Amino acid sequence: MVKVLGYVRVSTEEQSESGHSLGAQREKLKAYAALYDLELVEIVEDGGQSAKTLNRPGLQRALKILRNGEADGIVIVKLDRLTRSVVSRFSACAMR
């Protein structure tokens, strides 16, 4: 079974109330992992954090978990939960 790490983020209270809440994202990740028979080892969150930078406590922790081999991959509900910048997306991949 493939081990994955879940990552959830909201940047504003408005997102929290519009169906993008951390709880709603967690539930979607759990359902996805169950559907595809993935072992969801942990869900890391960044609440109230902008996607403008990769320098977020939860994301840095998630990347460290990946580097340490504690998970084989990361799952997110939507790409913009990880970052808004294409350059940052590639930088995150290169960190692995």
PDB file of N, CA and C in Angstrom:
ATOM      1  N   MET A   1       0.845  -1.183   0.000  1.00  0.00           N
ATOM      2  CA  MET A   1       0.000   0.000   0.000  1.00  0.00           C
ATOM      3  C   MET A   1       0.888   1.244   0.000  1.00  0.00           C
ATOM      4  N   VAL A   2       0.544   2.199  -0.817  1.00  0.00           N
ATOM      5  CA  VAL A   2       1.301   3.445  -0.921  1.00  0.00           C
ATOM      6  C   VAL A   2       0.933   4.355   0.253  1.00  0.00           C
ATOM      7  N   LYS A   3       1.968   4.860   0.908  1.00  0.00           N
ATOM      8  CA  LYS A   3       1.767   5.789   2.021  1.00  0.00           C
ATOM      9  C   LYS A   3       1.737   7.213   1.486  1.00  0.00           C
ATOM     10  N   VAL A   4       0.708   7.953   1.858  1.00  0.00           N
ATOM     11  CA  VAL A   4       0.619   9.347   1.432  1.00  0.00           C
ATOM     12  C   VAL A   4       0.369  10.254   2.627  1.00  0.00           C
ATOM     13  N   LEU A   5       0.731  11.476   2.433  1.00  0.00           N
ATOM     14  CA  LEU A   5       0.539  12.526   3.413  1.00  0.00           C
ATOM     15  C   LEU A   5      -0.498  13.481   2.859  1.00  0.00           C
ATOM     16  N   GLY A   6      -1.477  13.850   3.640  1.00  0.00           N
ATOM     17  CA  GLY A   6      -2.461  14.824   3.209  1.00  0.00           C
ATOM     18  C   GLY A   6      -2.030  16.223   3.619  1.00  0.00           C
ATOM     19  N   TYR A   7      -2.366  17.204   2.793  1.00  0.00           N
ATOM     20  CA  TYR A   7      -2.062  18.605   3.123  1.00  0.00           C
ATOM     21  C   TYR A   7      -3.305  19.441   2.863  1.00  0.00           C
ATOM     22  N   VAL A   8      -3.704  20.214   3.870  1.00  0.00           N
ATOM     23  CA  VAL A   8      -4.866  21.102   3.752  1.00  0.00           C
ATOM     24  C   VAL A   8      -4.463  22.516   4.149  1.00  0.00           C
ATOM     25  N   ARG A   9      -5.123  23.501   3.503  1.00  0.00           N
ATOM     26  CA  ARG A   9      -4.810  24.906   3.791  1.00  0.00           C
ATOM     27  C   ARG A   9      -6.003  25.784   3.502  1.00  0.00           C
ATOM     28  N   VAL A  10      -6.197  26.767   4.334  1.00  0.00           N
ATOM     29  CA  VAL A  10      -7.104  27.882   4.033  1.00  0.00           C
ATOM     30  C   VAL A  10      -6.348  29.156   4.360  1.00  0.00           C
ATOM     31  N   SER A  11      -6.652  30.205   3.596  1.00  0.00           N
ATOM     32  CA  SER A  11      -5.957  31.468   3.844  1.00  0.00           C
ATOM     33  C   SER A  11      -6.839  32.490   4.537  1.00  0.00           C
ATOM     34  N   THR A  12      -8.154  32.328   4.408  1.00  0.00           N
ATOM     35  CA  THR A  12      -9.054  33.325   4.991  1.00  0.00           C
ATOM     36  C   THR A  12     -10.241  32.677   5.676  1.00  0.00           C
ATOM     37  N   GLU A  13     -10.871  33.423   6.527  1.00  0.00           N
ATOM     38  CA  GLU A  13     -12.096  32.969   7.190  1.00  0.00           C
ATOM     39  C   GLU A  13     -13.195  32.723   6.160  1.00  0.00           C
ATOM     40  N   GLU A  14     -13.216  33.545   5.113  1.00  0.00           N
ATOM     41  CA  GLU A  14     -14.226  33.392   4.064  1.00  0.00           C
ATOM     42  C   GLU A  14     -14.130  32.012   3.405  1.00  0.00           C
ATOM     43  N   GLN A  15     -12.920  31.584   3.109  1.00  0.00           N
ATOM     44  CA  GLN A  15     -12.735  30.251   2.529  1.00  0.00           C
ATOM     45  C   GLN A  15     -13.234  29.186   3.483  1.00  0.00           C
ATOM     46  N   SER A  16     -12.986  29.402   4.728  1.00  0.00           N
ATOM     47  CA  SER A  16     -13.400  28.457   5.750  1.00  0.00           C
ATOM     48  C   SER A  16     -14.907  28.256   5.736  1.00  0.00           C
ATOM     49  N   GLU A  17     -15.631  29.311   5.415  1.00  0.00           N
ATOM     50  CA  GLU A  17     -17.090  29.268   5.441  1.00  0.00           C
ATOM     51  C   GLU A  17     -17.698  28.910   4.085  1.00  0.00           C
ATOM     52  N   SER A  18     -16.897  28.839   3.025  1.00  0.00           N
ATOM     53  CA  SER A  18     -17.453  28.611   1.689  1.00  0.00           C
ATOM     54  C   SER A  18     -17.205  27.200   1.158  1.00  0.00           C
ATOM     55  N   GLY A  19     -17.053  26.236   2.052  1.00  0.00           N
ATOM     56  CA  GLY A  19     -16.868  24.866   1.608  1.00  0.00           C
ATOM     57  C   GLY A  19     -15.418  24.459   1.411  1.00  0.00           C
ATOM     58  N   HIS A  20     -14.504  25.376   1.660  1.00  0.00           N
ATOM     59  CA  HIS A  20     -13.081  25.056   1.556  1.00  0.00           C
ATOM     60  C   HIS A  20     -12.462  24.893   2.937  1.00  0.00           C
ATOM     61  N   SER A  21     -13.298  24.663   3.936  1.00  0.00           N
ATOM     62  CA  SER A  21     -12.785  24.586   5.302  1.00  0.00           C
ATOM     63  C   SER A  21     -11.779  23.452   5.444  1.00  0.00           C
ATOM     64  N   LEU A  22     -10.961  23.553   6.475  1.00  0.00           N
ATOM     65  CA  LEU A  22      -9.985  22.505   6.736  1.00  0.00           C
ATOM     66  C   LEU A  22     -10.682  21.171   6.935  1.00  0.00           C
ATOM     67  N   GLY A  23     -11.799  21.184   7.637  1.00  0.00           N
ATOM     68  CA  GLY A  23     -12.548  19.948   7.878  1.00  0.00           C
ATOM     69  C   GLY A  23     -13.073  19.331   6.593  1.00  0.00           C
ATOM     70  N   ALA A  24     -13.610  20.165   5.700  1.00  0.00           N
ATOM     71  CA  ALA A  24     -14.130  19.671   4.421  1.00  0.00           C
ATOM     72  C   ALA A  24     -12.989  19.088   3.576  1.00  0.00           C
ATOM     73  N   GLN A  25     -11.841  19.752   3.587  1.00  0.00           N
ATOM     74  CA  GLN A  25     -10.687  19.243   2.837  1.00  0.00           C
ATOM     75  C   GLN A  25     -10.216  17.910   3.414  1.00  0.00           C
ATOM     76  N   ARG A  26     -10.170  17.812   4.754  1.00  0.00           N
ATOM     77  CA  ARG A  26      -9.767  16.559   5.398  1.00  0.00           C
ATOM     78  C   ARG A  26     -10.664  15.400   4.974  1.00  0.00           C
ATOM     79  N   GLU A  27     -11.964  15.643   4.975  1.00  0.00           N
ATOM     80  CA  GLU A  27     -12.916  14.586   4.605  1.00  0.00           C
ATOM     81  C   GLU A  27     -12.729  14.145   3.157  1.00  0.00           C
ATOM     82  N   LYS A  28     -12.468  15.090   2.266  1.00  0.00           N
ATOM     83  CA  LYS A  28     -12.226  14.741   0.861  1.00  0.00           C
ATOM     84  C   LYS A  28     -10.956  13.913   0.712  1.00  0.00           C
ATOM     85  N   LEU A  29      -9.920  14.275   1.460  1.00  0.00           N
ATOM     86  CA  LEU A  29      -8.673  13.512   1.388  1.00  0.00           C
ATOM     87  C   LEU A  29      -8.863  12.090   1.906  1.00  0.00           C
ATOM     88  N   LYS A  30      -9.596  11.947   2.978  1.00  0.00           N
ATOM     89  CA  LYS A  30      -9.862  10.613   3.532  1.00  0.00           C
ATOM     90  C   LYS A  30     -10.643   9.761   2.535  1.00  0.00           C
ATOM     91  N   ALA A  31     -11.627  10.355   1.891  1.00  0.00           N
ATOM     92  CA  ALA A  31     -12.432   9.628   0.911  1.00  0.00           C
ATOM     93  C   ALA A  31     -11.567   9.227  -0.290  1.00  0.00           C
ATOM     94  N   TYR A  32     -10.715  10.116  -0.742  1.00  0.00           N
ATOM     95  CA  TYR A  32      -9.835   9.835  -1.878  1.00  0.00           C
ATOM     96  C   TYR A  32      -8.883   8.683  -1.540  1.00  0.00           C
ATOM     97  N   ALA A  33      -8.282   8.753  -0.357  1.00  0.00           N
ATOM     98  CA  ALA A  33      -7.345   7.707   0.061  1.00  0.00           C
ATOM     99  C   ALA A  33      -8.051   6.356   0.144  1.00  0.00           C
ATOM    100  N   ALA A  34      -9.243   6.330   0.667  1.00  0.00           N
ATOM    101  CA  ALA A  34     -10.002   5.081   0.769  1.00  0.00           C
ATOM    102  C   ALA A  34     -10.351   4.549  -0.616  1.00  0.00           C
ATOM    103  N   LEU A  35     -10.767   5.430  -1.505  1.00  0.00           N
ATOM    104  CA  LEU A  35     -11.150   5.027  -2.854  1.00  0.00           C
ATOM    105  C   LEU A  35      -9.985   4.393  -3.620  1.00  0.00           C
ATOM    106  N   TYR A  36      -8.801   4.950  -3.455  1.00  0.00           N
ATOM    107  CA  TYR A  36      -7.635   4.479  -4.198  1.00  0.00           C
ATOM    108  C   TYR A  36      -6.706   3.595  -3.369  1.00  0.00           C
ATOM    109  N   ASP A  37      -7.186   3.137  -2.211  1.00  0.00           N
ATOM    110  CA  ASP A  37      -6.450   2.212  -1.354  1.00  0.00           C
ATOM    111  C   ASP A  37      -5.068   2.756  -0.979  1.00  0.00           C
ATOM    112  N   LEU A  38      -5.038   4.008  -0.554  1.00  0.00           N
ATOM    113  CA  LEU A  38      -3.812   4.664  -0.110  1.00  0.00           C
ATOM    114  C   LEU A  38      -3.802   4.706   1.407  1.00  0.00           C
ATOM    115  N   GLU A  39      -2.640   4.556   1.997  1.00  0.00           N
ATOM    116  CA  GLU A  39      -2.521   4.696   3.450  1.00  0.00           C
ATOM    117  C   GLU A  39      -2.247   6.167   3.764  1.00  0.00           C
ATOM    118  N   LEU A  40      -3.229   6.819   4.330  1.00  0.00           N
ATOM    119  CA  LEU A  40      -3.097   8.234   4.691  1.00  0.00           C
ATOM    120  C   LEU A  40      -2.436   8.301   6.058  1.00  0.00           C
ATOM    121  N   VAL A  41      -1.132   8.541   6.074  1.00  0.00           N
ATOM    122  CA  VAL A  41      -0.374   8.470   7.323  1.00  0.00           C
ATOM    123  C   VAL A  41      -0.627   9.665   8.236  1.00  0.00           C
ATOM    124  N   GLU A  42      -0.925  10.805   7.647  1.00  0.00           N
ATOM    125  CA  GLU A  42      -1.170  12.015   8.439  1.00  0.00           C
ATOM    126  C   GLU A  42      -1.747  13.092   7.545  1.00  0.00           C
ATOM    127  N   ILE A  43      -2.482  14.008   8.141  1.00  0.00           N
ATOM    128  CA  ILE A  43      -2.938  15.191   7.414  1.00  0.00           C
ATOM    129  C   ILE A  43      -2.332  16.406   8.115  1.00  0.00           C
ATOM    130  N   VAL A  44      -1.547  17.157   7.371  1.00  0.00           N
ATOM    131  CA  VAL A  44      -0.876  18.349   7.883  1.00  0.00           C
ATOM    132  C   VAL A  44      -1.677  19.557   7.423  1.00  0.00           C
ATOM    133  N   GLU A  45      -1.822  20.536   8.294  1.00  0.00           N
ATOM    134  CA  GLU A  45      -2.624  21.707   7.917  1.00  0.00           C
ATOM    135  C   GLU A  45      -1.894  23.023   8.130  1.00  0.00           C
ATOM    136  N   ASP A  46      -2.286  23.975   7.309  1.00  0.00           N
ATOM    137  CA  ASP A  46      -1.866  25.372   7.443  1.00  0.00           C
ATOM    138  C   ASP A  46      -3.141  26.197   7.421  1.00  0.00           C
ATOM    139  N   GLY A  47      -3.574  26.667   8.551  1.00  0.00           N
ATOM    140  CA  GLY A  47      -4.752  27.518   8.634  1.00  0.00           C
ATOM    141  C   GLY A  47      -4.346  28.975   8.607  1.00  0.00           C
ATOM    142  N   GLY A  48      -5.062  29.772   7.832  1.00  0.00           N
ATOM    143  CA  GLY A  48      -4.770  31.203   7.769  1.00  0.00           C
ATOM    144  C   GLY A  48      -3.453  31.520   7.090  1.00  0.00           C
ATOM    145  N   GLN A  49      -3.038  30.671   6.152  1.00  0.00           N
ATOM    146  CA  GLN A  49      -1.761  30.869   5.471  1.00  0.00           C
ATOM    147  C   GLN A  49      -1.983  31.118   3.984  1.00  0.00           C
ATOM    148  N   SER A  50      -1.302  32.096   3.439  1.00  0.00           N
ATOM    149  CA  SER A  50      -1.380  32.408   2.015  1.00  0.00           C
ATOM    150  C   SER A  50      -0.580  31.402   1.202  1.00  0.00           C
ATOM    151  N   ALA A  51      -0.984  31.194  -0.044  1.00  0.00           N
ATOM    152  CA  ALA A  51      -0.266  30.284  -0.941  1.00  0.00           C
ATOM    153  C   ALA A  51       0.813  31.019  -1.738  1.00  0.00           C
ATOM    154  N   LYS A  52       1.087  32.263  -1.383  1.00  0.00           N
ATOM    155  CA  LYS A  52       2.067  33.054  -2.130  1.00  0.00           C
ATOM    156  C   LYS A  52       3.485  32.533  -1.952  1.00  0.00           C
ATOM    157  N   THR A  53       3.735  31.830  -0.866  1.00  0.00           N
ATOM    158  CA  THR A  53       5.084  31.353  -0.562  1.00  0.00           C
ATOM    159  C   THR A  53       5.033  29.905  -0.095  1.00  0.00           C
ATOM    160  N   LEU A  54       6.142  29.211  -0.245  1.00  0.00           N
ATOM    161  CA  LEU A  54       6.243  27.849   0.279  1.00  0.00           C
ATOM    162  C   LEU A  54       6.695  27.847   1.732  1.00  0.00           C
ATOM    163  N   ASN A  55       7.004  29.031   2.256  1.00  0.00           N
ATOM    164  CA  ASN A  55       7.489  29.150   3.625  1.00  0.00           C
ATOM    165  C   ASN A  55       6.309  29.186   4.603  1.00  0.00           C
ATOM    166  N   ARG A  56       5.640  28.033   4.727  1.00  0.00           N
ATOM    167  CA  ARG A  56       4.521  27.880   5.656  1.00  0.00           C
ATOM    168  C   ARG A  56       4.856  26.718   6.573  1.00  0.00           C
ATOM    169  N   PRO A  57       4.582  26.851   7.868  1.00  0.00           N
ATOM    170  CA  PRO A  57       4.978  25.808   8.829  1.00  0.00           C
ATOM    171  C   PRO A  57       4.480  24.404   8.463  1.00  0.00           C
ATOM    172  N   GLY A  58       3.221  24.283   8.131  1.00  0.00           N
ATOM    173  CA  GLY A  58       2.678  22.972   7.804  1.00  0.00           C
ATOM    174  C   GLY A  58       3.285  22.391   6.549  1.00  0.00           C
ATOM    175  N   LEU A  59       3.436  23.205   5.519  1.00  0.00           N
ATOM    176  CA  LEU A  59       4.010  22.722   4.265  1.00  0.00           C
ATOM    177  C   LEU A  59       5.458  22.314   4.459  1.00  0.00           C
ATOM    178  N   GLN A  60       6.213  23.101   5.202  1.00  0.00           N
ATOM    179  CA  GLN A  60       7.608  22.741   5.463  1.00  0.00           C
ATOM    180  C   GLN A  60       7.697  21.418   6.233  1.00  0.00           C
ATOM    181  N   ARG A  61       6.787  21.222   7.166  1.00  0.00           N
ATOM    182  CA  ARG A  61       6.737  19.957   7.910  1.00  0.00           C
ATOM    183  C   ARG A  61       6.404  18.798   6.971  1.00  0.00           C
ATOM    184  N   ALA A  62       5.441  19.009   6.076  1.00  0.00           N
ATOM    185  CA  ALA A  62       5.053  17.969   5.119  1.00  0.00           C
ATOM    186  C   ALA A  62       6.230  17.604   4.212  1.00  0.00           C
ATOM    187  N   LEU A  63       6.946  18.602   3.716  1.00  0.00           N
ATOM    188  CA  LEU A  63       8.099  18.340   2.855  1.00  0.00           C
ATOM    189  C   LEU A  63       9.195  17.582   3.604  1.00  0.00           C
ATOM    190  N   LYS A  64       9.367  17.892   4.875  1.00  0.00           N
ATOM    191  CA  LYS A  64      10.358  17.186   5.690  1.00  0.00           C
ATOM    192  C   LYS A  64       9.959  15.720   5.849  1.00  0.00           C
ATOM    193  N   ILE A  65       8.680  15.468   6.086  1.00  0.00           N
ATOM    194  CA  ILE A  65       8.180  14.091   6.204  1.00  0.00           C
ATOM    195  C   ILE A  65       8.454  13.324   4.910  1.00  0.00           C
ATOM    196  N   LEU A  66       8.224  13.967   3.776  1.00  0.00           N
ATOM    197  CA  LEU A  66       8.496  13.333   2.488  1.00  0.00           C
ATOM    198  C   LEU A  66       9.994  13.060   2.310  1.00  0.00           C
ATOM    199  N   ARG A  67      10.821  14.044   2.624  1.00  0.00           N
ATOM    200  CA  ARG A  67      12.277  13.874   2.491  1.00  0.00           C
ATOM    201  C   ARG A  67      12.787  12.742   3.372  1.00  0.00           C
ATOM    202  N   ASN A  68      12.173  12.574   4.548  1.00  0.00           N
ATOM    203  CA  ASN A  68      12.593  11.534   5.485  1.00  0.00           C
ATOM    204  C   ASN A  68      12.077  10.152   5.098  1.00  0.00           C
ATOM    205  N   GLY A  69      11.273  10.085   4.047  1.00  0.00           N
ATOM    206  CA  GLY A  69      10.775   8.799   3.581  1.00  0.00           C
ATOM    207  C   GLY A  69       9.623   8.232   4.395  1.00  0.00           C
ATOM    208  N   GLU A  70       8.985   9.081   5.211  1.00  0.00           N
ATOM    209  CA  GLU A  70       7.878   8.620   6.035  1.00  0.00           C
ATOM    210  C   GLU A  70       6.576   8.505   5.237  1.00  0.00           C
ATOM    211  N   ALA A  71       6.569   9.058   4.035  1.00  0.00           N
ATOM    212  CA  ALA A  71       5.432   8.958   3.118  1.00  0.00           C
ATOM    213  C   ALA A  71       5.984   8.941   1.697  1.00  0.00           C
ATOM    214  N   ASP A  72       5.232   8.320   0.795  1.00  0.00           N
ATOM    215  CA  ASP A  72       5.670   8.209  -0.593  1.00  0.00           C
ATOM    216  C   ASP A  72       5.208   9.377  -1.461  1.00  0.00           C
ATOM    217  N   GLY A  73       4.196  10.093  -1.007  1.00  0.00           N
ATOM    218  CA  GLY A  73       3.659  11.193  -1.789  1.00  0.00           C
ATOM    219  C   GLY A  73       2.756  12.064  -0.951  1.00  0.00           C
ATOM    220  N   ILE A  74       2.275  13.108  -1.572  1.00  0.00           N
ATOM    221  CA  ILE A  74       1.390  14.055  -0.894  1.00  0.00           C
ATOM    222  C   ILE A  74       0.103  14.174  -1.708  1.00  0.00           C
ATOM    223  N   VAL A  75      -1.027  14.242  -1.015  1.00  0.00           N
ATOM    224  CA  VAL A  75      -2.303  14.455  -1.694  1.00  0.00           C
ATOM    225  C   VAL A  75      -2.918  15.748  -1.184  1.00  0.00           C
ATOM    226  N   ILE A  76      -3.519  16.475  -2.116  1.00  0.00           N
ATOM    227  CA  ILE A  76      -4.190  17.726  -1.806  1.00  0.00           C
ATOM    228  C   ILE A  76      -5.535  17.723  -2.513  1.00  0.00           C
ATOM    229  N   VAL A  77      -6.470  18.500  -1.997  1.00  0.00           N
ATOM    230  CA  VAL A  77      -7.803  18.550  -2.593  1.00  0.00           C
ATOM    231  C   VAL A  77      -7.770  19.265  -3.936  1.00  0.00           C
ATOM    232  N   LYS A  78      -6.998  20.333  -4.003  1.00  0.00           N
ATOM    233  CA  LYS A  78      -6.937  21.163  -5.198  1.00  0.00           C
ATOM    234  C   LYS A  78      -5.546  21.786  -5.250  1.00  0.00           C
ATOM    235  N   LEU A  79      -4.982  21.915  -6.437  1.00  0.00           N
ATOM    236  CA  LEU A  79      -3.616  22.401  -6.575  1.00  0.00           C
ATOM    237  C   LEU A  79      -3.394  23.752  -5.909  1.00  0.00           C
ATOM    238  N   ASP A  80      -4.395  24.622  -5.911  1.00  0.00           N
ATOM    239  CA  ASP A  80      -4.192  25.936  -5.304  1.00  0.00           C
ATOM    240  C   ASP A  80      -4.107  25.883  -3.777  1.00  0.00           C
ATOM    241  N   ARG A  81      -4.380  24.740  -3.185  1.00  0.00           N
ATOM    242  CA  ARG A  81      -4.170  24.580  -1.746  1.00  0.00           C
ATOM    243  C   ARG A  81      -2.683  24.480  -1.448  1.00  0.00           C
ATOM    244  N   LEU A  82      -1.913  24.029  -2.438  1.00  0.00           N
ATOM    245  CA  LEU A  82      -0.472  23.903  -2.268  1.00  0.00           C
ATOM    246  C   LEU A  82       0.223  25.226  -2.559  1.00  0.00           C
ATOM    247  N   THR A  83      -0.023  25.787  -3.742  1.00  0.00           N
ATOM    248  CA  THR A  83       0.611  27.051  -4.120  1.00  0.00           C
ATOM    249  C   THR A  83      -0.108  27.651  -5.321  1.00  0.00           C
ATOM    250  N   ARG A  84       0.044  28.931  -5.492  1.00  0.00           N
ATOM    251  CA  ARG A  84      -0.539  29.605  -6.649  1.00  0.00           C
ATOM    252  C   ARG A  84       0.493  29.832  -7.750  1.00  0.00           C
ATOM    253  N   SER A  85       1.752  29.650  -7.442  1.00  0.00           N
ATOM    254  CA  SER A  85       2.826  29.944  -8.377  1.00  0.00           C
ATOM    255  C   SER A  85       3.355  28.675  -9.041  1.00  0.00           C
ATOM    256  N   VAL A  86       3.399  28.667 -10.369  1.00  0.00           N
ATOM    257  CA  VAL A  86       3.934  27.520 -11.101  1.00  0.00           C
ATOM    258  C   VAL A  86       5.390  27.286 -10.714  1.00  0.00           C
ATOM    259  N   VAL A  87       6.157  28.341 -10.558  1.00  0.00           N
ATOM    260  CA  VAL A  87       7.565  28.210 -10.178  1.00  0.00           C
ATOM    261  C   VAL A  87       7.674  27.535  -8.818  1.00  0.00           C
ATOM    262  N   SER A  88       6.836  27.924  -7.879  1.00  0.00           N
ATOM    263  CA  SER A  88       6.865  27.309  -6.553  1.00  0.00           C
ATOM    264  C   SER A  88       6.495  25.834  -6.625  1.00  0.00           C
ATOM    265  N   ARG A  89       5.552  25.477  -7.488  1.00  0.00           N
ATOM    266  CA  ARG A  89       5.161  24.077  -7.633  1.00  0.00           C
ATOM    267  C   ARG A  89       6.357  23.239  -8.051  1.00  0.00           C
ATOM    268  N   PHE A  90       7.110  23.731  -9.030  1.00  0.00           N
ATOM    269  CA  PHE A  90       8.278  22.999  -9.486  1.00  0.00           C
ATOM    270  C   PHE A  90       9.369  22.972  -8.410  1.00  0.00           C
ATOM    271  N   SER A  91       9.509  24.044  -7.661  1.00  0.00           N
ATOM    272  CA  SER A  91      10.496  24.086  -6.572  1.00  0.00           C
ATOM    273  C   SER A  91      10.138  23.049  -5.519  1.00  0.00           C
ATOM    274  N   ALA A  92       8.860  22.912  -5.206  1.00  0.00           N
ATOM    275  CA  ALA A  92       8.432  21.931  -4.210  1.00  0.00           C
ATOM    276  C   ALA A  92       8.768  20.532  -4.677  1.00  0.00           C
ATOM    277  N   CYS A  93       8.564  20.265  -5.955  1.00  0.00           N
ATOM    278  CA  CYS A  93       8.874  18.943  -6.510  1.00  0.00           C
ATOM    279  C   CYS A  93      10.373  18.690  -6.453  1.00  0.00           C
ATOM    280  N   ALA A  94      11.161  19.711  -6.724  1.00  0.00           N
ATOM    281  CA  ALA A  94      12.612  19.562  -6.746  1.00  0.00           C
ATOM    282  C   ALA A  94      13.169  19.320  -5.348  1.00  0.00           C
ATOM    283  N   MET A  95      12.452  19.757  -4.315  1.00  0.00           N
ATOM    284  CA  MET A  95      12.914  19.582  -2.934  1.00  0.00           C
ATOM    285  C   MET A  95      12.919  18.117  -2.534  1.00  0.00           C
ATOM    286  N   ARG A  96      12.140  17.347  -3.195  1.00  0.00           N
ATOM    287  CA  ARG A  96      11.999  15.929  -2.834  1.00  0.00           C
ATOM    288  C   ARG A  96      13.194  15.175  -3.175  1.00  0.00           C
TER     289      ARG A  96
END
